[in-house]
Amino acid sequence: MNGIFRKKRIDDLLGETTPLKRTLHTLDLTFLGIGAIIGTGIFVLTGKGALTAGPALSLSFLLAAICCGFAGLCYAEFASMAPVAGSAYTYSYVAFGEVIAFIIGWDLILEYALGAATVSVGWSGYFVNLLENMGIHIPTILTAAAGTTPGVSTIFNLPAFLIVLVITWIISIGINQTKRVNDTMVIVKLAVIVLFIVCTIWFIKPHNWTPFSPYGWYSFNHGTAAGVIPAASIVFFSFIGFDSVSSSAEETVNPSKTLPRGILLSLLISTVLYIIMTLIMTGVVKYTIFTKYLNAPILAVLHSTGQTWLSIIVSIGAILGMTTVILVQLYGQSRICYSMSRDGLFPKFFGEVNKKYQTPFKGTWFFGIITAFAGGFINLNILSELVNIGTLTAFILVSAGILWMRKSHPEIHRGFKAPGVPFTPIIAILFCLTLIAGLNWETWVRFIIWFGIGMLIYFLYAKKHSKLNA
């Protein structure tokens, strides 16, 4: 056990000079956050969520948002103490030591890669739908992974595969390009959502909201968990991504003030939009209708109001919306590999910064290609749950890290202090455990296997090559 709990000192972290450029401000980070958050939640998961909780899905979103809010305050404090790339991975290295940091880094790679792959599949659904509206037909066999829809023969999801490669290329050529692309798409996406709200709010029939919570907080419906809490475990996926804001610390101007603002503002704006959208969608049509529209629930509302012209605009909004989510996830992922490689826990290959583009070019492409194949070949009904369990574990460790750092290192300068410690981190941990309890047992098994592979890599490679050996 000797040496696996070696820790990094904050002074050493702050002393490492960074080859990355500092160009991001509060507005950029808020947009980065909204770019990561709003996408799959509104455009894909509202259908599945409404079938699980009925109109009370708005409460599920609120519950998931509160969980993320408490964890977000803990992230923000860590980000202001150690403003370096690597997010929860770097924070765990400081608080708990190397082996825990490696576990979290390994865990985040799973979260970001599979998260991006999952969203690329939702993206593909809207994209294929948009092309069909224009009279262009992609062979069905190339629109989804094998076994996605019972009774339909599919082999490979070509659009999902291609979009991941395009975004990997954008990220590999530099953060300023990434920032511009993201800011533009976020503005378009928000405009589409506001347009949707304005056009459909008049069609609400309040009787669709009764019963408001058909399954209560937690019950079983045909053998599967239903109610507000299981739905919160599902829609939790829609908030993932605000933590990738904290992985951009080395590229942020005045990070100890800018990061906490960016994290909390993006969470707040997204939650308000989610709740309004959910109430409109379950008010315009009865929630049971969404069974027919699982992949594109917003289209159910537009078909019932007869606004088909709007469905093309919404499809474009959804496509851009999900593009930004994939962008932010792949970006966060490349930066975590960069940090782990810089610390010697991954081979040097992943941390080499390209002189021309000033980005970790090779590492970005390596994982981009793997993610593209995952989006193309793997049936992702399973994988979104894996992403959730990975993220919830990271949240728990970050929250526990704040408790530990307050006790063991009260003297370190913090640009932002989470209010209400010790209660804030404890509430965050309890919320996360509640949501983990709402996931399937198969998800647990897969997570444990991934964890085992990570431990092998740590003991066979990372422990020997760590920079802390020197």
Foldseek 3Di string as FASTA:
>chain_A
DPAQQQADALVVLVPDDALAAADDFLVLLLLLQLLQQPFCLLFFLLLVLCVQWPLCLLVLLVLLLLLLLLLLLLQLQLCQQRLAAAFLLNLCRHQGRRNVSLLLLLLLLLLLLLLLLLLLLLLLVLVQVLVVVVVDHDPPQQCAAAPQDPPGHHHWRVSSLVLLLVLLVQVLQADVSLSVLSNVLSVLLVVLLVVLLVVQVVLFAVVLCPVVGPADQWDADPRAIGHSLLSSLRSSSSNPQLSLSSNCSSRHDSRLPSSSSSSNSSSVVVSVSSSSSSNSLSRNDRSVQSVVVNSGSSVVSCVSVVPVVSSSSVSVSNSSSSSSNSNSSLNSSLRNQLVLCVQQLDPVLSNDQDPNRRGSNRNSNVSSNVSSRCSIHPNCPLSSSLSSLSVLVSSLSSLVSLLSCCVPPVPRDGSRHRPPPPVSSVVSNVSSVSSNVSDDVVSVVVNVVSSVVSVVSRVVGRSVRGPVVD
